[in-house]
Protein backbone atom coordinates (compact mmCIF):
# COMPACT_ATOMS: atom_id res chain seq x y z
CA MET A 1 27.10 1.86 67.40
CA ARG A 2 29.46 4.70 66.56
CA SER A 3 28.06 8.10 65.72
CA LEU A 4 27.86 9.09 62.07
CA THR A 5 29.79 12.24 62.99
CA ALA A 6 32.81 9.94 63.18
CA LEU A 7 32.50 9.09 59.48
CA PRO A 8 36.07 10.17 58.55
CA TRP A 9 37.67 7.55 60.85
CA LEU A 10 35.38 4.90 59.36
CA ILE A 11 36.36 5.80 55.80
CA ALA A 12 40.04 5.84 56.78
CA SER A 13 39.70 2.48 58.48
CA LEU A 14 37.93 0.89 55.52
CA ALA A 15 40.49 2.38 53.13
CA ALA A 16 43.33 0.96 55.25
CA PHE A 17 41.62 -2.43 55.19
CA VAL A 18 41.45 -2.41 51.40
CA LEU A 19 45.04 -1.25 50.98
CA ARG A 20 46.35 -3.95 53.32
CA ALA A 21 44.22 -6.82 52.07
CA SER A 22 46.01 -9.54 50.18
CA ALA A 23 45.42 -10.69 46.64
CA GLY A 24 42.91 -13.37 45.79
CA THR A 25 39.70 -11.40 46.16
CA ALA A 26 36.28 -12.18 44.77
CA ALA A 27 37.21 -10.30 41.61
CA ASP A 28 39.58 -13.14 40.78
CA ALA A 29 36.62 -15.48 40.38
CA GLY A 30 35.67 -13.98 37.02
CA PRO A 31 33.66 -11.11 35.60
CA ALA A 32 31.08 -9.67 37.94
CA ALA A 33 28.84 -8.55 35.10
CA ASN A 34 26.78 -11.74 34.99
CA ARG A 35 26.06 -12.64 38.61
CA SER A 36 22.43 -13.62 38.74
CA THR A 37 23.21 -16.71 40.82
CA PRO A 38 25.29 -16.68 43.98
CA MET A 39 29.02 -16.99 43.52
CA GLU A 40 31.13 -18.42 46.26
CA VAL A 41 34.67 -17.18 46.28
CA VAL A 42 37.48 -17.58 48.73
CA ALA A 43 40.20 -14.99 49.21
CA LYS A 44 43.40 -15.86 51.00
CA THR A 45 43.55 -13.56 54.01
CA ILE A 46 42.92 -10.00 55.06
CA ASP A 47 44.45 -7.86 57.77
CA ARG A 48 41.72 -8.07 60.42
CA SER A 49 43.43 -5.50 62.61
CA ALA A 50 43.23 -2.94 59.78
CA LEU A 51 39.55 -3.64 59.23
CA PHE A 52 38.61 -3.50 62.90
CA ALA A 53 41.14 -0.94 64.19
CA ASN A 54 38.55 1.79 64.62
CA LEU A 55 35.42 -0.33 64.58
CA LYS A 56 35.81 -1.98 67.96
CA THR A 57 32.69 -2.36 70.02
CA PRO A 58 32.77 -3.18 73.74
CA ASP A 59 31.67 -6.76 73.13
CA GLN A 60 33.89 -7.45 70.09
CA ASP A 61 36.20 -10.42 70.52
CA ASP A 62 39.23 -10.60 68.23
CA SER A 63 39.38 -14.37 68.69
CA LYS A 64 35.99 -14.93 67.00
CA PRO A 65 35.03 -15.02 63.32
CA VAL A 66 33.08 -12.13 61.80
CA LEU A 67 30.31 -12.34 59.20
CA LEU A 68 30.33 -9.18 57.06
CA VAL A 69 26.90 -8.50 55.59
CA LEU A 70 27.49 -6.26 52.56
CA HIS A 71 24.15 -4.83 51.50
CA ARG A 72 22.74 -2.11 49.26
CA GLY A 73 20.92 -0.30 52.06
CA ILE A 74 17.40 0.09 53.33
CA GLY A 75 16.10 1.04 49.89
CA CYS A 76 16.59 -2.60 48.84
CA VAL A 77 13.76 -4.88 49.97
CA ARG A 78 15.98 -7.96 49.84
CA CYS A 79 18.65 -6.27 51.94
CA VAL A 80 16.11 -5.26 54.56
CA SER A 81 14.84 -8.83 54.59
CA THR A 82 18.35 -10.24 55.04
CA LEU A 83 19.16 -7.76 57.81
CA SER A 84 15.90 -8.59 59.57
CA VAL A 85 16.38 -12.36 59.26
CA ILE A 86 19.94 -12.15 60.58
CA GLY A 87 19.09 -9.49 63.17
CA ARG A 88 16.15 -11.31 64.71
CA ARG A 89 18.22 -14.46 65.04
CA SER A 90 21.60 -12.95 65.85
CA GLY A 91 21.73 -15.19 68.93
CA LYS A 92 22.16 -18.20 66.63
CA PHE A 93 25.32 -16.59 65.24
CA ARG A 94 26.55 -15.80 68.75
CA ASP A 95 25.96 -19.47 69.63
CA LEU A 96 28.35 -20.36 66.77
CA GLY A 97 30.83 -17.77 68.02
CA VAL A 98 30.26 -15.54 64.97
CA GLN A 99 30.14 -11.77 65.30
CA LEU A 100 28.04 -9.73 62.86
CA LEU A 101 28.88 -6.51 61.05
CA ALA A 102 26.75 -4.91 58.30
CA VAL A 103 28.15 -2.48 55.72
CA SER A 104 26.24 -0.49 53.07
CA PRO A 105 27.05 2.39 50.71
CA SER A 106 24.75 4.68 52.71
CA LEU A 107 22.71 4.80 55.88
CA PRO A 108 19.45 6.54 56.63
CA ALA A 109 19.36 9.73 58.69
CA PRO A 110 21.06 9.29 62.09
CA GLU A 111 17.87 10.07 63.98
CA THR A 112 16.09 7.13 62.30
CA LEU A 113 18.78 4.51 62.96
CA PRO A 114 17.75 3.51 66.50
CA GLN A 115 14.15 2.87 65.40
CA LEU A 116 15.29 1.03 62.27
CA LYS A 117 17.54 -1.23 64.34
CA ARG A 118 14.69 -1.94 66.76
CA ASP A 119 12.24 -2.65 63.93
CA LEU A 120 14.62 -5.10 62.24
CA GLY A 121 15.90 -6.64 65.48
CA ILE A 122 19.48 -5.58 64.72
CA ASP A 123 21.88 -5.60 67.66
CA PHE A 124 25.10 -5.41 65.64
CA PRO A 125 26.94 -2.46 64.03
CA LEU A 126 25.63 -0.87 60.83
CA LEU A 127 28.48 0.84 59.00
CA VAL A 128 28.72 2.91 55.84
CA ASP A 129 31.21 2.58 52.95
CA PRO A 130 30.34 5.47 50.57
CA GLU A 131 33.47 4.93 48.47
CA LEU A 132 32.61 1.20 48.05
CA ALA A 133 36.14 0.22 49.09
CA VAL A 134 35.06 -2.89 51.01
CA PHE A 135 32.52 -3.80 48.33
CA GLN A 136 35.22 -3.62 45.66
CA GLN A 137 37.63 -5.66 47.79
CA PHE A 138 35.18 -8.55 47.84
CA GLY A 139 33.97 -8.27 44.22
CA CYS A 140 30.62 -6.75 45.18
CA VAL A 141 30.63 -4.00 42.52
CA LYS A 142 29.77 -4.71 38.90
CA PRO A 143 31.57 -2.88 36.07
CA ASP A 144 28.53 -0.59 35.71
CA ALA A 145 29.01 0.38 39.40
CA GLN A 146 25.96 -1.57 40.58
CA VAL A 147 26.49 -2.86 44.11
CA LEU A 148 26.03 -6.59 44.69
CA HIS A 149 25.09 -8.35 47.92
CA GLY A 150 27.78 -10.17 49.84
CA LEU A 151 28.21 -12.39 52.87
CA ILE A 152 31.86 -12.72 53.91
CA LEU A 153 32.95 -14.93 56.82
CA ILE A 154 36.38 -13.95 58.19
CA ASP A 155 38.04 -16.08 60.85
CA ALA A 156 40.15 -14.79 63.75
CA GLN A 157 43.36 -15.12 61.71
CA GLY A 158 41.95 -13.08 58.81
CA ASN A 159 41.24 -16.03 56.53
CA ILE A 160 38.17 -15.71 54.34
CA ARG A 161 36.39 -18.94 55.24
CA TRP A 162 33.31 -18.45 53.05
CA SER A 163 31.83 -15.76 50.86
CA GLN A 164 28.81 -15.43 48.65
CA VAL A 165 28.35 -12.59 46.16
CA SER A 166 25.11 -12.18 44.23
CA GLU A 167 22.60 -9.76 42.76
CA HIS A 168 20.05 -11.45 45.02
CA ALA A 169 20.55 -11.25 48.77
CA GLU A 170 20.47 -14.51 50.67
CA THR A 171 17.41 -14.49 52.93
CA ASP A 172 17.39 -18.12 54.07
CA LEU A 173 18.79 -18.04 57.60
CA GLU A 174 19.35 -21.79 57.72
CA VAL A 175 21.51 -21.65 54.57
CA ILE A 176 23.62 -18.84 56.05
CA LEU A 177 23.98 -20.61 59.40
CA GLN A 178 24.83 -23.92 57.73
CA ARG A 179 27.57 -22.32 55.62
CA CYS A 180 28.98 -20.60 58.71
CA ARG A 181 28.95 -23.91 60.63
CA GLU A 182 30.62 -25.79 57.77
CA SER A 183 33.22 -23.08 57.26
CA ILE A 184 34.14 -22.68 60.91
CA ASP A 185 34.24 -26.39 61.71
CA PRO A 186 33.88 -28.67 58.67
CA GLY A 187 33.00 -31.64 60.87
CA ARG A 188 30.17 -29.70 62.49
CA GLY A 189 28.11 -28.99 59.34
CA ASN A 190 24.91 -30.46 60.73
CA PRO A 191 23.98 -29.54 64.31
């Protein structure tokens, strides 16, 4: 995980991602004001290299899909539950060839992050987007500035294969895995 002292490069990277992303975002699916049930939206493509230019980790593979977990932060019980469910079973995503990346508007104090990651079983990057650029790109900000939860599956070519935006975070691991399976290989929906 990158140090929080490197926050400016992260903000610049996320801003570049938003500026280079193509049209057809989650916002095109209709008003975000009334999202009490999950919405599934599909954007066309994004520039993966812009998103991941400065976010590379030693084990990141550009040929694999990435599941972005957009969450409100550790102050949200549902978000913590989603992160824990995904974190404790991250091997199931690796088995599918899916890399994980979590983004929130804020992170707890840097000295608490290692313990938080251990407690939740998280072995993937936790990143911060204080300007909500990525959240806005995927329609995860309501008009009143409330942040919504989002799961965004991006394939190696930058195609958005599946996304779900909702006021309520998805906590059912089997649903998330199934949607990833179906989106990556439609003929492989059931293991």
